[in-house]
Protein backbone atom coordinates (compact mmCIF):
# COMPACT_ATOMS: atom_id res chain seq x y z
CA MET A 1 -0.03 -0.26 0.03
CA ILE A 2 1.32 3.39 -1.04
CA PRO A 3 1.64 5.61 2.19
CA ARG A 4 -0.71 8.85 2.08
CA ALA A 5 1.18 12.24 1.99
CA LYS A 6 1.01 14.26 5.28
CA ARG A 7 0.03 17.86 4.76
CA ARG A 8 1.49 18.70 8.11
CA LEU A 9 4.65 17.89 6.65
CA GLY A 10 4.40 19.65 3.72
CA GLN A 11 4.48 16.60 1.78
CA HIS A 12 3.33 16.35 -2.19
CA PHE A 13 4.88 13.50 -3.86
CA LEU A 14 5.97 13.56 -7.55
CA ALA A 15 3.67 11.50 -9.73
CA ASP A 16 4.71 12.51 -13.06
CA GLU A 17 7.94 11.37 -14.04
CA ASN A 18 8.32 13.57 -17.24
CA ILE A 19 9.57 16.39 -14.92
CA LEU A 20 12.50 14.18 -14.05
CA ALA A 21 14.11 14.92 -17.17
CA VAL A 22 13.75 18.75 -16.60
CA ILE A 23 15.17 18.43 -13.12
CA GLY A 24 18.08 16.32 -14.56
CA ARG A 25 18.88 19.17 -16.96
CA LEU A 26 18.61 22.02 -14.77
CA ALA A 27 20.86 19.94 -12.30
CA GLU A 28 23.63 19.62 -14.74
CA LEU A 29 23.73 15.96 -13.36
CA ASP A 30 27.19 14.10 -14.01
CA ALA A 31 28.10 10.65 -13.31
CA GLU A 32 30.73 11.64 -10.84
CA ASP A 33 28.18 13.76 -8.59
CA VAL A 34 27.38 13.59 -4.99
CA VAL A 35 23.74 14.85 -4.72
CA LEU A 36 21.76 15.48 -1.45
CA GLU A 37 18.27 15.12 -1.88
CA ILE A 38 15.98 16.53 1.15
CA GLY A 39 12.38 15.02 1.25
CA PRO A 40 12.54 11.64 -1.09
CA GLY A 41 9.06 11.02 -0.19
CA LEU A 42 8.56 7.84 -2.18
CA GLY A 43 11.82 7.55 -4.02
CA VAL A 44 10.64 8.65 -7.51
CA LEU A 45 13.43 11.72 -7.92
CA THR A 46 15.78 9.45 -5.55
CA THR A 47 15.64 6.46 -8.00
CA TYR A 48 16.24 8.91 -11.13
CA LEU A 49 19.38 10.43 -9.47
CA ALA A 50 20.83 7.09 -8.35
CA ASP A 51 20.64 6.00 -11.72
CA ARG A 52 22.98 8.93 -13.10
CA VAL A 53 25.21 10.26 -10.26
CA ALA A 54 27.98 8.32 -7.99
CA HIS A 55 25.99 8.86 -4.54
CA VAL A 56 22.79 10.02 -3.30
CA HIS A 57 22.34 11.21 0.04
CA ALA A 58 18.42 11.16 0.85
CA VAL A 59 17.05 12.87 4.06
CA GLU A 60 13.87 11.93 5.27
CA LEU A 61 11.71 12.92 8.20
CA ASP A 62 8.88 10.62 7.74
CA ARG A 63 10.00 7.10 9.12
CA SER A 64 6.81 5.42 7.97
CA LEU A 65 8.11 5.96 4.32
CA GLU A 66 10.87 3.89 4.87
CA PRO A 67 9.56 0.35 3.70
CA ALA A 68 8.19 2.12 0.54
CA VAL A 69 11.30 4.06 -0.22
CA THR A 70 13.59 1.11 0.54
CA GLU A 71 11.69 -1.17 -1.71
CA ARG A 72 11.78 1.21 -5.03
CA LEU A 73 15.36 1.67 -4.17
CA ALA A 74 16.15 -1.88 -3.99
CA GLY A 75 19.45 -3.06 -5.50
CA ARG A 76 20.93 0.61 -5.81
CA THR A 77 23.73 0.66 -3.42
CA ASN A 78 24.80 4.17 -3.89
CA VAL A 79 21.91 5.74 -2.04
CA GLY A 80 22.13 6.57 1.88
CA LEU A 81 19.07 7.01 3.41
CA HIS A 82 19.21 9.34 6.43
CA PHE A 83 16.12 9.74 8.67
CA GLY A 84 15.85 13.10 10.63
CA ASP A 85 15.03 16.51 10.58
CA ALA A 86 17.10 18.10 7.67
CA LEU A 87 16.92 21.62 9.87
CA GLN A 88 18.42 19.70 12.81
CA LEU A 89 20.86 17.21 11.38
CA ASP A 90 24.67 18.29 10.83
CA LEU A 91 24.46 17.87 7.14
CA ALA A 92 27.99 19.46 6.69
CA ARG A 93 29.27 16.24 8.02
CA ILE A 94 27.83 13.55 5.84
CA VAL A 95 30.60 11.84 3.57
CA PRO A 96 31.05 12.08 0.79
CA ALA A 97 30.51 15.70 0.70
CA PRO A 98 27.61 16.53 -1.57
CA GLY A 99 28.24 18.93 -4.49
CA LYS A 100 24.48 19.57 -5.34
CA LEU A 101 21.57 19.98 -3.73
CA VAL A 102 18.50 18.50 -5.89
CA SER A 103 14.95 18.09 -4.14
CA ASN A 104 11.37 18.33 -4.35
CA LEU A 105 11.48 20.33 -0.90
CA PRO A 106 8.88 20.11 1.41
CA TYR A 107 6.74 23.21 1.23
CA ASN A 108 7.22 24.03 4.97
CA ILE A 109 11.08 23.91 5.18
CA ALA A 110 11.90 25.02 1.93
CA THR A 111 13.10 28.62 2.54
CA PRO A 112 14.78 27.92 5.92
CA LEU A 113 16.61 24.94 4.38
CA VAL A 114 18.04 27.05 1.24
CA VAL A 115 18.93 29.74 3.33
CA GLU A 116 20.66 27.46 5.96
CA SER A 117 22.50 25.67 3.25
CA LEU A 118 23.98 28.96 1.46
CA ASP A 119 26.77 29.06 4.32
CA GLY A 120 25.98 25.79 6.28
CA LEU A 121 26.77 23.26 3.18
CA PRO A 122 29.80 24.98 1.75
CA SER A 123 30.55 21.96 -0.31
CA VAL A 124 27.28 22.49 -2.42
CA GLU A 125 28.03 24.16 -5.54
CA LEU A 126 24.53 23.90 -7.28
CA TRP A 127 21.22 23.86 -6.20
CA CYS A 128 17.91 22.75 -8.20
CA VAL A 129 15.13 22.58 -5.84
CA MET A 130 11.07 22.38 -6.33
CA VAL A 131 9.52 25.06 -4.35
CA GLN A 132 6.11 27.04 -4.25
CA ARG A 133 6.16 29.49 -7.24
CA GLU A 134 6.01 32.50 -4.85
CA VAL A 135 9.23 31.08 -2.99
CA ALA A 136 11.21 30.56 -6.28
CA ASP A 137 10.04 34.14 -7.44
CA ARG A 138 11.32 35.45 -4.14
CA PHE A 139 14.61 33.92 -4.34
CA PHE A 140 15.85 36.28 -7.30
CA ALA A 141 13.36 39.12 -6.98
CA GLY A 142 14.73 42.60 -7.47
CA PRO A 143 14.96 45.52 -5.00
CA SER A 144 11.43 47.60 -4.49
CA THR A 145 9.32 44.69 -5.58
CA LYS A 146 6.81 43.10 -3.60
CA ALA A 147 8.72 39.73 -3.42
CA TYR A 148 12.13 41.04 -2.43
CA GLY A 149 12.98 40.70 1.14
CA ALA A 150 15.80 39.04 3.05
CA VAL A 151 15.68 35.65 1.54
CA SER A 152 16.23 37.45 -2.03
CA VAL A 153 19.20 39.32 -0.61
CA LEU A 154 20.85 36.18 1.05
CA VAL A 155 20.48 34.04 -2.08
CA GLN A 156 21.57 36.62 -4.33
CA LEU A 157 24.73 37.24 -2.51
CA ALA A 158 25.39 33.57 -2.53
CA ALA A 159 24.39 32.45 -5.82
CA GLU A 160 23.45 33.42 -9.41
CA ARG A 161 20.35 31.86 -11.12
CA THR A 162 21.14 29.17 -13.75
CA GLY A 163 17.67 27.75 -14.66
CA PHE A 164 13.87 28.23 -13.93
CA HIS A 165 11.04 26.10 -15.00
CA PRO A 166 7.32 26.44 -13.84
CA VAL A 167 5.76 23.24 -12.69
CA SER A 168 2.06 22.10 -13.04
CA ARG A 169 0.12 21.18 -9.83
CA THR A 170 -0.63 17.90 -11.86
CA VAL A 171 2.61 16.63 -11.37
CA PHE A 172 2.09 16.08 -7.70
CA ARG A 173 0.06 13.61 -5.48
CA PRO A 174 -2.00 15.04 -3.71
CA GLN A 175 -2.19 18.15 -5.70
CA PRO A 176 -1.28 21.18 -3.95
CA ASN A 177 -3.33 24.44 -3.93
CA VAL A 178 -0.41 26.67 -5.16
CA ASP A 179 1.84 26.63 -8.18
CA SER A 180 5.49 25.66 -7.81
CA ALA A 181 8.40 26.09 -9.86
CA LEU A 182 11.82 24.52 -10.57
CA VAL A 183 14.70 26.82 -9.67
CA ALA A 184 18.52 26.28 -10.19
CA PHE A 185 21.30 28.54 -8.84
CA ARG A 186 24.97 28.03 -8.80
CA ARG A 187 27.20 29.17 -5.83
CA ARG A 188 29.33 32.42 -6.05
CA PRO A 189 31.96 33.31 -3.40
CA LEU A 190 30.29 34.53 -0.44
CA PRO A 191 31.02 38.01 1.16
CA PRO A 192 33.85 37.60 3.81
CA SER A 193 31.18 39.34 6.22
CA PHE A 194 28.58 37.18 5.14
CA ALA A 195 27.52 36.00 8.69
CA GLN A 196 27.53 39.68 9.60
CA VAL A 197 25.48 40.38 6.68
CA ARG A 198 22.87 37.92 7.36
CA ARG A 199 22.18 39.47 10.54
CA THR A 200 21.80 43.13 9.32
CA VAL A 201 19.44 41.80 6.56
CA THR A 202 17.52 39.64 9.01
CA ALA A 203 16.95 42.71 11.40
CA ALA A 204 16.33 45.09 8.35
CA PHE A 205 13.57 43.24 7.01
CA ALA A 206 12.02 42.36 10.38
CA HIS A 207 9.80 45.31 10.60
CA ARG A 208 8.98 46.22 6.71
CA ARG A 209 6.95 49.02 7.46
CA LYS A 210 9.58 50.78 9.42
CA ARG A 211 12.61 52.74 8.32
CA LEU A 212 15.60 50.57 7.84
CA ALA A 213 17.79 52.49 10.51
CA ASN A 214 14.64 52.15 12.75
CA SER A 215 14.58 48.41 12.11
CA LEU A 216 18.33 48.24 13.12
CA GLU A 217 17.91 49.84 16.37
CA LEU A 218 14.99 47.72 17.21
CA ALA A 219 17.08 44.71 16.78
CA GLY A 220 19.65 45.84 19.03
CA LEU A 221 22.41 46.02 16.30
CA THR A 222 23.15 49.67 16.29
CA SER A 223 21.48 53.18 17.20
CA ARG A 224 19.33 54.70 14.67
CA ASP A 225 21.40 57.72 14.29
CA ARG A 226 24.28 55.37 13.48
CA ALA A 227 22.26 53.27 11.00
CA ALA A 228 21.25 56.79 9.33
CA ALA A 229 24.96 57.86 9.12
CA ALA A 230 26.12 54.40 7.72
CA LEU A 231 23.23 54.68 5.09
CA GLU A 232 24.42 58.20 4.01
CA ALA A 233 27.88 56.84 3.62
CA ILE A 234 27.25 54.40 1.21
CA GLY A 235 24.87 56.95 -0.96
CA ARG A 236 21.70 56.07 0.64
CA GLU A 237 19.09 58.47 2.05
CA PRO A 238 19.16 58.18 6.09
CA GLY A 239 15.17 57.15 5.87
CA ALA A 240 15.76 54.40 3.36
CA ARG A 241 13.73 51.25 3.72
CA ALA A 242 15.09 47.94 3.41
CA GLU A 243 13.68 46.97 0.37
CA GLU A 244 15.33 49.89 -1.60
CA LEU A 245 18.89 48.23 -0.95
CA SER A 246 20.44 45.87 -3.56
CA PRO A 247 22.15 42.96 -2.01
CA PRO A 248 25.76 44.75 -2.44
CA GLU A 249 24.56 47.57 -0.56
CA PHE A 250 23.61 45.71 2.23
CA VAL A 251 27.20 44.23 2.29
CA ALA A 252 28.40 47.96 2.12
CA LEU A 253 26.03 48.64 4.96
CA THR A 254 27.18 45.95 7.29
CA ASP A 255 30.91 47.02 6.37
CA GLU A 256 30.29 50.73 7.42
CA LEU A 257 28.45 49.51 10.76
CA ALA A 258 31.51 47.69 11.38
CA ARG A 259 33.65 50.57 11.50
CA GLU A 260 31.89 51.80 14.88
């Protein structure tokens, strides 16, 4: 009996294998690749990956899926199944280290998982993830747009988009109530101050209706006056809002604040 997807875990299993070829193309799969897959579900994508790469690490939270996915993967010795919460496991310690993250991500962890992987999984050079369409749009949204936010800044500082493909709801069982998309992006060198930039960005967007300087003060990062002066130093008005700054400007702002 095929297990039912659990909506509380954000599960939507792949049911149409035609999308696999698109994933393979956007992920630029190679026979020597080591791939990390989060949320293998019933193993449809896992099987496809295992037949094309050197090794697959598949991380699944739902232990009840083990019999089904194990049966589907029978005979494929290049797959390591890891059961646990991907946001809690120390994925940076798995061996061999993954060079690509290729997943149909559970909706409820997609954004934090990608953000955490930017600096938490330094071995990953390419991401190809299936996420809600609005999340995919948010990753590479431009400044002063509705979708632009902290996630946009952090992803764009760490990577450049290499591919995008809208995905029909009909490829999943059960069908989700939202549209999805595949988005692929390749790592670029992280700014040396990325950890500090992340704190600045998170604080800046914590209160979207407030001026950026006020948000930084509320977060306890600096005073409003110092933040306003730092904004002027990078060529921005002291009353600027977070969504007006580009990703490189957040790096410049963070570096300016560090001069205190």
